[in-house]
Amino acid sequence: MMNKHTEKQEYVLQIVLRTFLWYGFKKTSMDDIAKAAGLTRQGLYFHYRSKDELLRACVEKALFDGHRAVHLALSAAQLPLEERLYRALGTWFSGYVGLFTPELISNWEFHCSRVMG
């Protein structure tokens, strides 16, 4: 998988993911996303045809970024295997820490149902 996003698109995808996590996929409109990302709705539709396409792009970016970071951690041949594994796992999970606020974590089941609709 190749990362084909520009820096602006990467920023937008980060905003989109946080917006989906906070308000839920069903309750988030393209207007909400455009406003959060500092774009016009037309500008958003220029790059993404739908919320589904935006969600897919967010997931692909998150997986690509995580895979790349884990690969780099595991490639550090000068380190013992245990240290490489520790770093790889730390890298993978630390990528999600900033997405979850204490409010989101405190009532995990409620927020999962809210995000999934």
C-alpha atoms as a PDB file:
ATOM      1  CA  MET A   1       0.000   0.000   0.000  1.00  0.00           C
ATOM      2  CA  MET A   2       1.375   3.389  -0.951  1.00  0.00           C
ATOM      3  CA  ASN A   3       0.708   6.643   0.838  1.00  0.00           C
ATOM      4  CA  LYS A   4      -0.663   8.899  -1.873  1.00  0.00           C
ATOM      5  CA  HIS A   5      -1.997  11.755   0.256  1.00  0.00           C
ATOM      6  CA  THR A   6      -0.701  15.310   0.259  1.00  0.00           C
ATOM      7  CA  GLU A   7       0.168  17.033   3.526  1.00  0.00           C
ATOM      8  CA  LYS A   8      -3.166  18.904   3.457  1.00  0.00           C
ATOM      9  CA  GLN A   9      -5.099  15.685   2.828  1.00  0.00           C
ATOM     10  CA  GLU A  10      -3.262  13.994   5.706  1.00  0.00           C
ATOM     11  CA  TYR A  11      -4.263  16.866   7.986  1.00  0.00           C
ATOM     12  CA  VAL A  12      -7.887  16.615   6.805  1.00  0.00           C
ATOM     13  CA  LEU A  13      -7.929  12.862   7.438  1.00  0.00           C
ATOM     14  CA  GLN A  14      -6.676  13.391  11.003  1.00  0.00           C
ATOM     15  CA  ILE A  15      -9.448  15.939  11.605  1.00  0.00           C
ATOM     16  CA  VAL A  16     -12.033  13.642  10.015  1.00  0.00           C
ATOM     17  CA  LEU A  17     -11.054  10.693  12.189  1.00  0.00           C
ATOM     18  CA  ARG A  18     -11.247  12.775  15.368  1.00  0.00           C
ATOM     19  CA  THR A  19     -14.596  14.215  14.272  1.00  0.00           C
ATOM     20  CA  PHE A  20     -16.011  10.741  13.573  1.00  0.00           C
ATOM     21  CA  LEU A  21     -14.742   9.488  16.930  1.00  0.00           C
ATOM     22  CA  TRP A  22     -16.209  12.389  18.827  1.00  0.00           C
ATOM     23  CA  TYR A  23     -19.630  12.792  17.147  1.00  0.00           C
ATOM     24  CA  GLY A  24     -20.066   9.402  15.546  1.00  0.00           C
ATOM     25  CA  PHE A  25     -20.102   8.478  11.885  1.00  0.00           C
ATOM     26  CA  LYS A  26     -23.860   8.794  11.375  1.00  0.00           C
ATOM     27  CA  LYS A  27     -24.209  12.131  13.160  1.00  0.00           C
ATOM     28  CA  THR A  28     -21.274  13.798  11.408  1.00  0.00           C
ATOM     29  CA  SER A  29     -22.158  15.636   8.205  1.00  0.00           C
ATOM     30  CA  MET A  30     -19.853  16.628   5.400  1.00  0.00           C
ATOM     31  CA  ASP A  31     -20.504  20.233   6.484  1.00  0.00           C
ATOM     32  CA  ASP A  32     -19.280  19.381  10.005  1.00  0.00           C
ATOM     33  CA  ILE A  33     -16.130  17.821   8.580  1.00  0.00           C
ATOM     34  CA  ALA A  34     -15.447  20.687   6.188  1.00  0.00           C
ATOM     35  CA  LYS A  35     -15.872  23.232   8.982  1.00  0.00           C
ATOM     36  CA  ALA A  36     -13.595  21.290  11.360  1.00  0.00           C
ATOM     37  CA  ALA A  37     -10.927  20.988   8.661  1.00  0.00           C
ATOM     38  CA  GLY A  38     -11.174  24.620   7.552  1.00  0.00           C
ATOM     39  CA  LEU A  39     -12.479  23.743   4.099  1.00  0.00           C
ATOM     40  CA  THR A  40     -15.564  24.479   2.086  1.00  0.00           C
ATOM     41  CA  ARG A  41     -17.969  21.619   1.545  1.00  0.00           C
ATOM     42  CA  GLN A  42     -17.225  21.830  -2.183  1.00  0.00           C
ATOM     43  CA  GLY A  43     -13.498  21.591  -1.472  1.00  0.00           C
ATOM     44  CA  LEU A  44     -14.087  18.484   0.600  1.00  0.00           C
ATOM     45  CA  TYR A  45     -16.242  16.903  -2.125  1.00  0.00           C
ATOM     46  CA  PHE A  46     -13.508  17.678  -4.657  1.00  0.00           C
ATOM     47  CA  HIS A  47     -11.280  15.107  -2.936  1.00  0.00           C
ATOM     48  CA  TYR A  48     -13.832  12.739  -1.376  1.00  0.00           C
ATOM     49  CA  ARG A  49     -17.209  11.834  -2.860  1.00  0.00           C
ATOM     50  CA  SER A  50     -18.834  10.706   0.381  1.00  0.00           C
ATOM     51  CA  LYS A  51     -18.454  10.124   4.109  1.00  0.00           C
ATOM     52  CA  ASP A  52     -17.897   6.456   3.357  1.00  0.00           C
ATOM     53  CA  GLU A  53     -14.955   7.334   1.132  1.00  0.00           C
ATOM     54  CA  LEU A  54     -13.585   9.624   3.846  1.00  0.00           C
ATOM     55  CA  LEU A  55     -13.878   6.887   6.467  1.00  0.00           C
ATOM     56  CA  ARG A  56     -12.131   4.426   4.177  1.00  0.00           C
ATOM     57  CA  ALA A  57      -9.322   6.933   3.553  1.00  0.00           C
ATOM     58  CA  CYS A  58      -8.970   7.523   7.331  1.00  0.00           C
ATOM     59  CA  VAL A  59      -8.705   3.816   8.053  1.00  0.00           C
ATOM     60  CA  GLU A  60      -6.251   3.255   5.198  1.00  0.00           C
ATOM     61  CA  LYS A  61      -4.078   6.149   6.412  1.00  0.00           C
ATOM     62  CA  ALA A  62      -4.114   4.902  10.007  1.00  0.00           C
ATOM     63  CA  LEU A  63      -3.169   1.388   8.914  1.00  0.00           C
ATOM     64  CA  PHE A  64      -0.485   2.628   6.516  1.00  0.00           C
ATOM     65  CA  ASP A  65       1.074   4.924   9.124  1.00  0.00           C
ATOM     66  CA  GLY A  66       0.976   2.202  11.771  1.00  0.00           C
ATOM     67  CA  HIS A  67       2.473  -0.398   9.445  1.00  0.00           C
ATOM     68  CA  ARG A  68       5.266   1.945   8.396  1.00  0.00           C
ATOM     69  CA  ALA A  69       6.127   2.818  12.011  1.00  0.00           C
ATOM     70  CA  VAL A  70       6.101  -0.828  13.122  1.00  0.00           C
ATOM     71  CA  HIS A  71       8.267  -1.813  10.158  1.00  0.00           C
ATOM     72  CA  LEU A  72      10.822   0.847  11.077  1.00  0.00           C
ATOM     73  CA  ALA A  73      10.870  -0.295  14.707  1.00  0.00           C
ATOM     74  CA  LEU A  74      11.356  -3.931  13.714  1.00  0.00           C
ATOM     75  CA  SER A  75      14.074  -3.030  11.196  1.00  0.00           C
ATOM     76  CA  ALA A  76      16.471  -1.707  13.838  1.00  0.00           C
ATOM     77  CA  ALA A  77      18.803  -4.704  13.481  1.00  0.00           C
ATOM     78  CA  GLN A  78      21.286  -3.316  16.020  1.00  0.00           C
ATOM     79  CA  LEU A  79      18.713  -3.824  18.798  1.00  0.00           C
ATOM     80  CA  PRO A  80      17.831  -7.154  20.404  1.00  0.00           C
ATOM     81  CA  LEU A  81      14.600  -8.729  19.199  1.00  0.00           C
ATOM     82  CA  GLU A  82      12.840  -8.096  22.524  1.00  0.00           C
ATOM     83  CA  GLU A  83      13.604  -4.366  22.309  1.00  0.00           C
ATOM     84  CA  ARG A  84      12.448  -4.203  18.667  1.00  0.00           C
ATOM     85  CA  LEU A  85       9.168  -5.918  19.566  1.00  0.00           C
ATOM     86  CA  TYR A  86       8.660  -3.608  22.536  1.00  0.00           C
ATOM     87  CA  ARG A  87       9.247  -0.544  20.352  1.00  0.00           C
ATOM     88  CA  ALA A  88       7.014  -1.877  17.571  1.00  0.00           C
ATOM     89  CA  LEU A  89       4.116  -2.463  19.952  1.00  0.00           C
ATOM     90  CA  GLY A  90       4.682   0.874  21.660  1.00  0.00           C
ATOM     91  CA  THR A  91       4.715   2.622  18.302  1.00  0.00           C
ATOM     92  CA  TRP A  92       1.558   0.884  17.115  1.00  0.00           C
ATOM     93  CA  PHE A  93      -0.505   1.634  20.209  1.00  0.00           C
ATOM     94  CA  SER A  94       0.845   5.128  20.859  1.00  0.00           C
ATOM     95  CA  GLY A  95      -0.595   6.217  17.512  1.00  0.00           C
ATOM     96  CA  TYR A  96      -4.072   5.893  18.956  1.00  0.00           C
ATOM     97  CA  VAL A  97      -3.514   7.473  22.354  1.00  0.00           C
ATOM     98  CA  GLY A  98      -4.128  11.035  21.187  1.00  0.00           C
ATOM     99  CA  LEU A  99      -7.423  10.086  19.584  1.00  0.00           C
ATOM    100  CA  PHE A 100      -9.051   9.033  22.824  1.00  0.00           C
ATOM    101  CA  THR A 101      -9.787  11.637  25.449  1.00  0.00           C
ATOM    102  CA  PRO A 102     -10.514  10.700  29.077  1.00  0.00           C
ATOM    103  CA  GLU A 103     -14.205  11.390  28.416  1.00  0.00           C
ATOM    104  CA  LEU A 104     -14.197   8.926  25.542  1.00  0.00           C
ATOM    105  CA  ILE A 105     -12.396   6.210  27.485  1.00  0.00           C
ATOM    106  CA  SER A 106     -14.439   6.555  30.684  1.00  0.00           C
ATOM    107  CA  ASN A 107     -17.595   5.309  29.000  1.00  0.00           C
ATOM    108  CA  TRP A 108     -16.129   3.188  26.219  1.00  0.00           C
ATOM    109  CA  GLU A 109     -19.207   1.084  25.451  1.00  0.00           C
ATOM    110  CA  PHE A 110     -21.456   4.133  25.108  1.00  0.00           C
ATOM    111  CA  HIS A 111     -19.027   5.888  22.787  1.00  0.00           C
ATOM    112  CA  CYS A 112     -18.494   2.803  20.638  1.00  0.00           C
ATOM    113  CA  SER A 113     -22.231   2.534  20.102  1.00  0.00           C
ATOM    114  CA  ARG A 114     -22.379   6.273  19.353  1.00  0.00           C
ATOM    115  CA  VAL A 115     -19.619   6.063  16.752  1.00  0.00           C
ATOM    116  CA  MET A 116     -21.031   2.953  15.105  1.00  0.00           C
ATOM    117  CA  GLY A 117     -24.589   4.274  15.186  1.00  0.00           C
END
